[in-house]
PDB file of N, CA and C in Angstrom:
ATOM      1  N   MET A   1     149.336  23.506  27.932  1.00  0.00           N
ATOM      2  CA  MET A   1     149.502  23.351  26.502  1.00  0.00           C
ATOM      3  C   MET A   1     148.614  24.275  25.762  1.00  0.00           C
ATOM      4  N   ALA A   2     149.077  25.108  24.840  1.00  0.00           N
ATOM      5  CA  ALA A   2     148.192  25.788  24.016  1.00  0.00           C
ATOM      6  C   ALA A   2     147.529  25.134  22.852  1.00  0.00           C
ATOM      7  N   THR A   3     146.312  25.342  22.661  1.00  0.00           N
ATOM      8  CA  THR A   3     145.544  24.790  21.529  1.00  0.00           C
ATOM      9  C   THR A   3     144.912  25.885  20.935  1.00  0.00           C
ATOM     10  N   GLY A   4     145.068  25.887  19.502  1.00  0.00           N
ATOM     11  CA  GLY A   4     144.496  26.719  18.642  1.00  0.00           C
ATOM     12  C   GLY A   4     143.754  26.031  17.533  1.00  0.00           C
ATOM     13  N   ILE A   5     142.975  26.831  16.758  1.00  0.00           N
ATOM     14  CA  ILE A   5     142.206  26.383  15.707  1.00  0.00           C
ATOM     15  C   ILE A   5     143.204  25.790  14.645  1.00  0.00           C
ATOM     16  N   GLY A   6     144.396  26.108  14.644  1.00  0.00           N
ATOM     17  CA  GLY A   6     145.381  25.500  13.501  1.00  0.00           C
ATOM     18  C   GLY A   6     145.635  24.088  13.873  1.00  0.00           C
ATOM     19  N   GLN A   7     145.278  23.663  15.049  1.00  0.00           N
ATOM     20  CA  GLN A   7     145.643  22.320  15.279  1.00  0.00           C
ATOM     21  C   GLN A   7     144.459  21.310  14.996  1.00  0.00           C
ATOM     22  N   ILE A   8     143.367  21.909  14.302  1.00  0.00           N
ATOM     23  CA  ILE A   8     142.285  20.967  13.944  1.00  0.00           C
ATOM     24  C   ILE A   8     142.718  20.281  12.698  1.00  0.00           C
ATOM     25  N   ASP A   9     142.644  18.984  12.647  1.00  0.00           N
ATOM     26  CA  ASP A   9     143.076  18.283  11.420  1.00  0.00           C
ATOM     27  C   ASP A   9     141.972  18.465  10.338  1.00  0.00           C
ATOM     28  N   GLU A  10     142.293  19.140   9.266  1.00  0.00           N
ATOM     29  CA  GLU A  10     141.384  19.310   8.214  1.00  0.00           C
ATOM     30  C   GLU A  10     141.018  18.059   7.407  1.00  0.00           C
ATOM     31  N   VAL A  11     141.720  17.132   7.545  1.00  0.00           N
ATOM     32  CA  VAL A  11     141.313  15.849   6.919  1.00  0.00           C
ATOM     33  C   VAL A  11     140.138  15.172   7.546  1.00  0.00           C
ATOM     34  N   ILE A  12     140.022  15.325   8.832  1.00  0.00           N
ATOM     35  CA  ILE A  12     138.963  14.748   9.657  1.00  0.00           C
ATOM     36  C   ILE A  12     137.833  15.848   9.676  1.00  0.00           C
ATOM     37  N   HIS A  13     138.141  17.061   9.664  1.00  0.00           N
ATOM     38  CA  HIS A  13     137.079  18.105  10.219  1.00  0.00           C
ATOM     39  C   HIS A  13     135.758  18.216   9.491  1.00  0.00           C
ATOM     40  N   GLY A  14     135.818  17.742   8.170  1.00  0.00           N
ATOM     41  CA  GLY A  14     134.449  17.841   7.538  1.00  0.00           C
ATOM     42  C   GLY A  14     133.386  16.865   7.987  1.00  0.00           C
ATOM     43  N   ARG A  15     132.224  17.254   7.871  1.00  0.00           N
ATOM     44  CA  ARG A  15     131.079  16.525   8.502  1.00  0.00           C
ATOM     45  C   ARG A  15     131.126  15.034   8.220  1.00  0.00           C
ATOM     46  N   MET A  16     131.235  14.698   6.943  1.00  0.00           N
ATOM     47  CA  MET A  16     131.132  13.281   6.526  1.00  0.00           C
ATOM     48  C   MET A  16     132.438  12.445   7.008  1.00  0.00           C
ATOM     49  N   ARG A  17     133.522  13.126   6.857  1.00  0.00           N
ATOM     50  CA  ARG A  17     134.804  12.371   7.415  1.00  0.00           C
ATOM     51  C   ARG A  17     134.833  12.324   8.870  1.00  0.00           C
ATOM     52  N   LEU A  18     134.151  13.298   9.595  1.00  0.00           N
ATOM     53  CA  LEU A  18     134.232  13.212  10.965  1.00  0.00           C
ATOM     54  C   LEU A  18     133.162  12.094  11.332  1.00  0.00           C
ATOM     55  N   GLY A  19     132.134  11.976  10.657  1.00  0.00           N
ATOM     56  CA  GLY A  19     131.216  10.847  10.917  1.00  0.00           C
ATOM     57  C   GLY A  19     131.763   9.565  10.727  1.00  0.00           C
ATOM     58  N   ILE A  20     132.577   9.367   9.580  1.00  0.00           N
ATOM     59  CA  ILE A  20     133.291   8.190   9.400  1.00  0.00           C
ATOM     60  C   ILE A  20     134.188   7.776  10.535  1.00  0.00           C
ATOM     61  N   MET A  21     135.029   8.774  10.914  1.00  0.00           N
ATOM     62  CA  MET A  21     135.961   8.564  12.009  1.00  0.00           C
ATOM     63  C   MET A  21     135.362   8.225  13.279  1.00  0.00           C
ATOM     64  N   VAL A  22     134.380   8.838  13.619  1.00  0.00           N
ATOM     65  CA  VAL A  22     133.607   8.573  14.985  1.00  0.00           C
ATOM     66  C   VAL A  22     132.993   7.128  14.965  1.00  0.00           C
ATOM     67  N   TYR A  23     132.457   6.750  13.687  1.00  0.00           N
ATOM     68  CA  TYR A  23     131.833   5.422  13.694  1.00  0.00           C
ATOM     69  C   TYR A  23     133.003   4.414  13.690  1.00  0.00           C
ATOM     70  N   LEU A  24     134.071   4.595  13.093  1.00  0.00           N
ATOM     71  CA  LEU A  24     135.122   3.517  13.103  1.00  0.00           C
ATOM     72  C   LEU A  24     135.919   3.603  14.339  1.00  0.00           C
ATOM     73  N   ALA A  25     136.060   4.699  15.008  1.00  0.00           N
ATOM     74  CA  ALA A  25     136.696   4.777  16.358  1.00  0.00           C
ATOM     75  C   ALA A  25     135.770   3.890  17.280  1.00  0.00           C
ATOM     76  N   GLU A  26     134.533   3.683  17.099  1.00  0.00           N
ATOM     77  CA  GLU A  26     133.729   2.957  18.048  1.00  0.00           C
ATOM     78  C   GLU A  26     133.674   1.438  17.613  1.00  0.00           C
ATOM     79  N   ASN A  27     133.786   1.255  16.276  1.00  0.00           N
ATOM     80  CA  ASN A  27     133.776  -0.070  15.726  1.00  0.00           C
ATOM     81  C   ASN A  27     134.910  -0.757  15.096  1.00  0.00           C
ATOM     82  N   ASP A  28     135.999  -0.027  14.842  1.00  0.00           N
ATOM     83  CA  ASP A  28     137.256  -0.392  14.188  1.00  0.00           C
ATOM     84  C   ASP A  28     136.972  -0.748  12.709  1.00  0.00           C
ATOM     85  N   VAL A  29     135.911  -1.389  12.414  1.00  0.00           N
ATOM     86  CA  VAL A  29     135.612  -1.794  10.913  1.00  0.00           C
ATOM     87  C   VAL A  29     134.146  -1.695  10.558  1.00  0.00           C
ATOM     88  N   ALA A  30     134.013  -1.394   9.266  1.00  0.00           N
ATOM     89  CA  ALA A  30     132.564  -1.138   8.925  1.00  0.00           C
ATOM     90  C   ALA A  30     132.479  -1.536   7.488  1.00  0.00           C
ATOM     91  N   ASP A  31     131.479  -2.045   6.945  1.00  0.00           N
ATOM     92  CA  ASP A  31     131.341  -2.177   5.406  1.00  0.00           C
ATOM     93  C   ASP A  31     130.819  -1.101   4.831  1.00  0.00           C
ATOM     94  N   PHE A  32     130.968  -0.802   3.606  1.00  0.00           N
ATOM     95  CA  PHE A  32     130.624   0.311   2.877  1.00  0.00           C
ATOM     96  C   PHE A  32     129.302   0.666   2.917  1.00  0.00           C
ATOM     97  N   ASN A  33     128.352  -0.278   2.807  1.00  0.00           N
ATOM     98  CA  ASN A  33     126.955  -0.178   2.967  1.00  0.00           C
ATOM     99  C   ASN A  33     126.429   0.299   4.296  1.00  0.00           C
ATOM    100  N   GLU A  34     127.105  -0.225   5.217  1.00  0.00           N
ATOM    101  CA  GLU A  34     126.786   0.099   6.715  1.00  0.00           C
ATOM    102  C   GLU A  34     127.108   1.637   6.848  1.00  0.00           C
ATOM    103  N   LEU A  35     128.271   2.050   6.422  1.00  0.00           N
ATOM    104  CA  LEU A  35     128.545   3.381   6.528  1.00  0.00           C
ATOM    105  C   LEU A  35     127.536   4.327   5.798  1.00  0.00           C
ATOM    106  N   LYS A  36     127.370   3.951   4.556  1.00  0.00           N
ATOM    107  CA  LYS A  36     126.393   4.660   3.651  1.00  0.00           C
ATOM    108  C   LYS A  36     125.006   4.831   4.329  1.00  0.00           C
ATOM    109  N   ARG A  37     124.555   3.837   5.050  1.00  0.00           N
ATOM    110  CA  ARG A  37     123.207   3.775   5.661  1.00  0.00           C
ATOM    111  C   ARG A  37     123.294   4.685   6.897  1.00  0.00           C
ATOM    112  N   VAL A  38     124.262   4.398   7.872  1.00  0.00           N
ATOM    113  CA  VAL A  38     124.390   5.159   9.087  1.00  0.00           C
ATOM    114  C   VAL A  38     124.600   6.727   8.895  1.00  0.00           C
ATOM    115  N   LEU A  39     125.469   7.099   7.859  1.00  0.00           N
ATOM    116  CA  LEU A  39     125.888   8.575   7.625  1.00  0.00           C
ATOM    117  C   LEU A  39     124.882   9.210   6.615  1.00  0.00           C
ATOM    118  N   GLU A  40     123.903   8.370   6.195  1.00  0.00           N
ATOM    119  CA  GLU A  40     122.898   8.747   5.113  1.00  0.00           C
ATOM    120  C   GLU A  40     123.634   9.521   3.835  1.00  0.00           C
ATOM    121  N   ALA A  41     124.619   8.769   3.364  1.00  0.00           N
ATOM    122  CA  ALA A  41     125.452   9.367   2.287  1.00  0.00           C
ATOM    123  C   ALA A  41     125.095   8.676   1.064  1.00  0.00           C
ATOM    124  N   THR A  42     125.400   9.399  -0.050  1.00  0.00           N
ATOM    125  CA  THR A  42     125.331   8.722  -1.366  1.00  0.00           C
ATOM    126  C   THR A  42     126.702   7.887  -1.548  1.00  0.00           C
ATOM    127  N   GLN A  43     126.500   7.063  -2.359  1.00  0.00           N
ATOM    128  CA  GLN A  43     127.734   6.064  -2.751  1.00  0.00           C
ATOM    129  C   GLN A  43     128.919   6.905  -3.218  1.00  0.00           C
ATOM    130  N   GLY A  44     128.613   7.840  -4.150  1.00  0.00           N
ATOM    131  CA  GLY A  44     129.784   8.651  -4.600  1.00  0.00           C
ATOM    132  C   GLY A  44     130.311   9.601  -3.545  1.00  0.00           C
ATOM    133  N   ASN A  45     129.489  10.113  -2.840  1.00  0.00           N
ATOM    134  CA  ASN A  45     130.034  11.132  -1.773  1.00  0.00           C
ATOM    135  C   ASN A  45     130.841  10.402  -0.626  1.00  0.00           C
ATOM    136  N   LEU A  46     130.212   9.170  -0.296  1.00  0.00           N
ATOM    137  CA  LEU A  46     130.927   8.353   0.662  1.00  0.00           C
ATOM    138  C   LEU A  46     132.319   7.926   0.100  1.00  0.00           C
ATOM    139  N   SER A  47     132.334   7.702  -1.182  1.00  0.00           N
ATOM    140  CA  SER A  47     133.712   7.135  -1.891  1.00  0.00           C
ATOM    141  C   SER A  47     134.650   8.190  -1.869  1.00  0.00           C
ATOM    142  N   ILE A  48     134.342   9.380  -2.202  1.00  0.00           N
ATOM    143  CA  ILE A  48     135.260  10.504  -2.185  1.00  0.00           C
ATOM    144  C   ILE A  48     135.907  10.728  -0.825  1.00  0.00           C
ATOM    145  N   HIS A  49     135.046  10.838   0.325  1.00  0.00           N
ATOM    146  CA  HIS A  49     135.443  10.960   1.552  1.00  0.00           C
ATOM    147  C   HIS A  49     136.389   9.897   2.103  1.00  0.00           C
ATOM    148  N   LEU A  50     136.028   8.759   1.713  1.00  0.00           N
ATOM    149  CA  LEU A  50     137.015   7.487   2.175  1.00  0.00           C
ATOM    150  C   LEU A  50     138.208   7.601   1.590  1.00  0.00           C
ATOM    151  N   ARG A  51     138.293   8.009   0.330  1.00  0.00           N
ATOM    152  CA  ARG A  51     139.625   8.136  -0.487  1.00  0.00           C
ATOM    153  C   ARG A  51     140.388   9.134   0.193  1.00  0.00           C
ATOM    154  N   LYS A  52     139.905  10.297   0.562  1.00  0.00           N
ATOM    155  CA  LYS A  52     140.630  11.290   1.321  1.00  0.00           C
ATOM    156  C   LYS A  52     141.256  10.740   2.664  1.00  0.00           C
ATOM    157  N   LEU A  53     140.465   9.798   3.293  1.00  0.00           N
ATOM    158  CA  LEU A  53     140.962   9.320   4.594  1.00  0.00           C
ATOM    159  C   LEU A  53     142.035   8.232   4.379  1.00  0.00           C
ATOM    160  N   GLU A  54     141.835   7.557   3.323  1.00  0.00           N
ATOM    161  CA  GLU A  54     142.764   6.530   2.792  1.00  0.00           C
ATOM    162  C   GLU A  54     144.134   7.164   2.399  1.00  0.00           C
ATOM    163  N   GLU A  55     143.971   8.266   1.659  1.00  0.00           N
ATOM    164  CA  GLU A  55     145.196   9.036   1.309  1.00  0.00           C
ATOM    165  C   GLU A  55     145.944   9.572   2.368  1.00  0.00           C
ATOM    166  N   ALA A  56     145.303   9.825   3.629  1.00  0.00           N
ATOM    167  CA  ALA A  56     146.033  10.354   4.661  1.00  0.00           C
ATOM    168  C   ALA A  56     146.394   9.083   5.542  1.00  0.00           C
ATOM    169  N   GLN A  57     146.226   7.925   5.092  1.00  0.00           N
ATOM    170  CA  GLN A  57     146.539   6.655   5.770  1.00  0.00           C
ATOM    171  C   GLN A  57     145.728   6.549   7.220  1.00  0.00           C
ATOM    172  N   TYR A  58     144.617   7.179   7.204  1.00  0.00           N
ATOM    173  CA  TYR A  58     143.796   6.898   8.468  1.00  0.00           C
ATOM    174  C   TYR A  58     143.032   5.745   8.381  1.00  0.00           C
ATOM    175  N   VAL A  59     142.519   5.332   7.127  1.00  0.00           N
ATOM    176  CA  VAL A  59     141.782   4.089   6.923  1.00  0.00           C
ATOM    177  C   VAL A  59     142.362   3.225   5.909  1.00  0.00           C
ATOM    178  N   GLU A  60     141.999   1.969   5.912  1.00  0.00           N
ATOM    179  CA  GLU A  60     142.526   1.045   4.903  1.00  0.00           C
ATOM    180  C   GLU A  60     141.036   0.425   4.317  1.00  0.00           C
ATOM    181  N   ILE A  61     140.974   0.537   2.928  1.00  0.00           N
ATOM    182  CA  ILE A  61     139.828  -0.027   2.348  1.00  0.00           C
ATOM    183  C   ILE A  61     140.176  -1.474   1.658  1.00  0.00           C
ATOM    184  N   GLU A  62     139.476  -2.328   2.031  1.00  0.00           N
ATOM    185  CA  GLU A  62     139.585  -3.813   1.530  1.00  0.00           C
ATOM    186  C   GLU A  62     138.381  -4.245   0.826  1.00  0.00           C
ATOM    187  N   LYS A  63     138.692  -4.632  -0.507  1.00  0.00           N
ATOM    188  CA  LYS A  63     137.654  -5.023  -1.400  1.00  0.00           C
ATOM    189  C   LYS A  63     137.766  -6.575  -1.490  1.00  0.00           C
ATOM    190  N   THR A  64     136.759  -7.211  -1.229  1.00  0.00           N
ATOM    191  CA  THR A  64     136.609  -8.682  -1.326  1.00  0.00           C
ATOM    192  C   THR A  64     135.256  -9.032  -1.883  1.00  0.00           C
ATOM    193  N   TYR A  65     134.977 -10.293  -1.886  1.00  0.00           N
ATOM    194  CA  TYR A  65     133.635 -10.820  -2.308  1.00  0.00           C
ATOM    195  C   TYR A  65     133.137 -11.791  -1.236  1.00  0.00           C
ATOM    196  N   ALA A  66     131.677 -11.616  -1.213  1.00  0.00           N
ATOM    197  CA  ALA A  66     130.946 -12.467  -0.564  1.00  0.00           C
ATOM    198  C   ALA A  66     130.051 -13.271  -1.435  1.00  0.00           C
ATOM    199  N   GLY A  67     130.643 -14.376  -1.808  1.00  0.00           N
ATOM    200  CA  GLY A  67     129.895 -15.198  -2.898  1.00  0.00           C
ATOM    201  C   GLY A  67     130.273 -14.510  -4.123  1.00  0.00           C
ATOM    202  N   ARG A  68     129.289 -13.912  -4.931  1.00  0.00           N
ATOM    203  CA  ARG A  68     129.606 -13.261  -6.220  1.00  0.00           C
ATOM    204  C   ARG A  68     129.352 -11.729  -6.031  1.00  0.00           C
ATOM    205  N   LYS A  69     129.035 -11.422  -4.861  1.00  0.00           N
ATOM    206  CA  LYS A  69     128.737  -9.970  -4.586  1.00  0.00           C
ATOM    207  C   LYS A  69     129.930  -9.352  -3.952  1.00  0.00           C
ATOM    208  N   GLY A  70     130.326  -8.114  -4.505  1.00  0.00           N
ATOM    209  CA  GLY A  70     131.506  -7.408  -3.946  1.00  0.00           C
ATOM    210  C   GLY A  70     131.224  -6.832  -2.507  1.00  0.00           C
ATOM    211  N   LEU A  71     132.296  -6.901  -1.670  1.00  0.00           N
ATOM    212  CA  LEU A  71     132.161  -6.336  -0.218  1.00  0.00           C
ATOM    213  C   LEU A  71     133.390  -5.436  -0.014  1.00  0.00           C
ATOM    214  N   THR A  72     133.092  -4.270   0.281  1.00  0.00           N
ATOM    215  CA  THR A  72     134.111  -3.348   0.546  1.00  0.00           C
ATOM    216  C   THR A  72     134.080  -3.061   2.192  1.00  0.00           C
ATOM    217  N   ARG A  73     135.063  -3.222   2.739  1.00  0.00           N
ATOM    218  CA  ARG A  73     135.258  -2.946   4.262  1.00  0.00           C
ATOM    219  C   ARG A  73     136.277  -1.925   4.532  1.00  0.00           C
ATOM    220  N   VAL A  74     135.961  -1.085   5.535  1.00  0.00           N
ATOM    221  CA  VAL A  74     136.823  -0.072   5.884  1.00  0.00           C
ATOM    222  C   VAL A  74     137.385  -0.180   7.223  1.00  0.00           C
ATOM    223  N   HIS A  75     138.649  -0.097   7.409  1.00  0.00           N
ATOM    224  CA  HIS A  75     139.386  -0.476   8.798  1.00  0.00           C
ATOM    225  C   HIS A  75     140.036   0.858   9.213  1.00  0.00           C
ATOM    226  N   LEU A  76     139.886   1.234  10.562  1.00  0.00           N
ATOM    227  CA  LEU A  76     140.556   2.301  11.011  1.00  0.00           C
ATOM    228  C   LEU A  76     142.046   1.792  11.298  1.00  0.00           C
ATOM    229  N   LEU A  77     143.025   2.569  10.873  1.00  0.00           N
ATOM    230  CA  LEU A  77     144.357   2.112  11.141  1.00  0.00           C
ATOM    231  C   LEU A  77     144.879   2.922  12.381  1.00  0.00           C
ATOM    232  N   PRO A  78     146.076   2.493  12.931  1.00  0.00           N
ATOM    233  CA  PRO A  78     146.551   3.092  14.141  1.00  0.00           C
ATOM    234  C   PRO A  78     146.767   4.573  14.017  1.00  0.00           C
ATOM    235  N   LYS A  79     147.323   4.941  12.802  1.00  0.00           N
ATOM    236  CA  LYS A  79     147.518   6.245  12.550  1.00  0.00           C
ATOM    237  C   LYS A  79     146.305   7.138  12.550  1.00  0.00           C
ATOM    238  N   GLY A  80     145.166   6.532  11.987  1.00  0.00           N
ATOM    239  CA  GLY A  80     143.754   7.331  12.046  1.00  0.00           C
ATOM    240  C   GLY A  80     143.305   7.419  13.530  1.00  0.00           C
ATOM    241  N   ARG A  81     143.515   6.230  14.270  1.00  0.00           N
ATOM    242  CA  ARG A  81     143.073   6.361  15.700  1.00  0.00           C
ATOM    243  C   ARG A  81     143.759   7.352  16.377  1.00  0.00           C
ATOM    244  N   LYS A  82     145.086   7.491  16.147  1.00  0.00           N
ATOM    245  CA  LYS A  82     145.922   8.619  16.889  1.00  0.00           C
ATOM    246  C   LYS A  82     145.527  10.050  16.298  1.00  0.00           C
ATOM    247  N   ALA A  83     145.288  10.142  15.051  1.00  0.00           N
ATOM    248  CA  ALA A  83     144.869  11.367  14.571  1.00  0.00           C
ATOM    249  C   ALA A  83     143.506  11.813  15.016  1.00  0.00           C
ATOM    250  N   PHE A  84     142.630  10.836  15.183  1.00  0.00           N
ATOM    251  CA  PHE A  84     141.202  11.098  15.769  1.00  0.00           C
ATOM    252  C   PHE A  84     141.324  11.623  17.170  1.00  0.00           C
ATOM    253  N   ALA A  85     142.178  10.834  18.034  1.00  0.00           N
ATOM    254  CA  ALA A  85     142.295  11.221  19.465  1.00  0.00           C
ATOM    255  C   ALA A  85     142.959  12.632  19.475  1.00  0.00           C
ATOM    256  N   ALA A  86     143.864  12.990  18.608  1.00  0.00           N
ATOM    257  CA  ALA A  86     144.356  14.293  18.597  1.00  0.00           C
ATOM    258  C   ALA A  86     143.340  15.417  18.286  1.00  0.00           C
ATOM    259  N   TYR A  87     142.434  15.010  17.313  1.00  0.00           N
ATOM    260  CA  TYR A  87     141.534  16.002  16.883  1.00  0.00           C
ATOM    261  C   TYR A  87     140.540  16.185  18.060  1.00  0.00           C
ATOM    262  N   VAL A  88     140.001  15.169  18.703  1.00  0.00           N
ATOM    263  CA  VAL A  88     139.123  15.318  19.936  1.00  0.00           C
ATOM    264  C   VAL A  88     139.760  16.256  21.061  1.00  0.00           C
ATOM    265  N   GLU A  89     141.109  15.898  21.225  1.00  0.00           N
ATOM    266  CA  GLU A  89     141.734  16.775  22.267  1.00  0.00           C
ATOM    267  C   GLU A  89     141.908  18.147  21.918  1.00  0.00           C
ATOM    268  N   ALA A  90     142.026  18.444  20.551  1.00  0.00           N
ATOM    269  CA  ALA A  90     142.285  19.842  20.076  1.00  0.00           C
ATOM    270  C   ALA A  90     140.848  20.587  20.180  1.00  0.00           C
ATOM    271  N   LEU A  91     139.828  19.824  19.795  1.00  0.00           N
ATOM    272  CA  LEU A  91     138.459  20.395  20.091  1.00  0.00           C
ATOM    273  C   LEU A  91     138.102  20.798  21.519  1.00  0.00           C
ATOM    274  N   ALA A  92     138.531  19.722  22.270  1.00  0.00           N
ATOM    275  CA  ALA A  92     138.295  19.901  23.789  1.00  0.00           C
ATOM    276  C   ALA A  92     139.149  21.192  24.248  1.00  0.00           C
ATOM    277  N   GLY A  93     140.292  21.203  23.850  1.00  0.00           N
ATOM    278  CA  GLY A  93     141.113  22.486  24.224  1.00  0.00           C
ATOM    279  C   GLY A  93     140.517  23.887  23.673  1.00  0.00           C
ATOM    280  N   LEU A  94     139.856  23.886  22.541  1.00  0.00           N
ATOM    281  CA  LEU A  94     139.177  25.060  22.143  1.00  0.00           C
ATOM    282  C   LEU A  94     138.004  25.278  22.908  1.00  0.00           C
ATOM    283  N   LEU A  95     137.174  24.279  23.179  1.00  0.00           N
ATOM    284  CA  LEU A  95     135.984  24.446  24.006  1.00  0.00           C
ATOM    285  C   LEU A  95     136.259  24.954  25.441  1.00  0.00           C
ATOM    286  N   GLY A  96     137.386  24.487  25.807  1.00  0.00           N
ATOM    287  CA  GLY A  96     137.812  24.841  27.221  1.00  0.00           C
ATOM    288  C   GLY A  96     138.087  26.271  27.492  1.00  0.00           C
ATOM    289  N   LYS A  97     138.397  26.985  26.362  1.00  0.00           N
ATOM    290  CA  LYS A  97     138.835  28.546  26.273  1.00  0.00           C
ATOM    291  C   LYS A  97     137.574  29.224  26.309  1.00  0.00           C
ATOM    292  N   SER A  98     136.451  28.819  26.095  1.00  0.00           N
ATOM    293  CA  SER A  98     135.244  29.655  26.014  1.00  0.00           C
ATOM    294  C   SER A  98     134.785  30.204  27.444  1.00  0.00           C
TER     295      SER A  98
END
């Protein structure tokens, strides 16, 4: 099967979005502050990247409350897991050509 640079998913490929997807592929769900800490991201930067992944239907963002404090959790959706697997496969194909 031919693999080219055009098969790299641009939604996932950015450093921050790739970090989010890697973390969620391992954990399925994470809260916003956990992602912010692990990825060393600012609140605004992380929000922008999560919105992009949500628009692609790769993640679902759930906003609830823990007592009186807001809690935002991010869930990896099946479409996101499939897209991430395809992304990893495309990278492996590119690396196999070197």
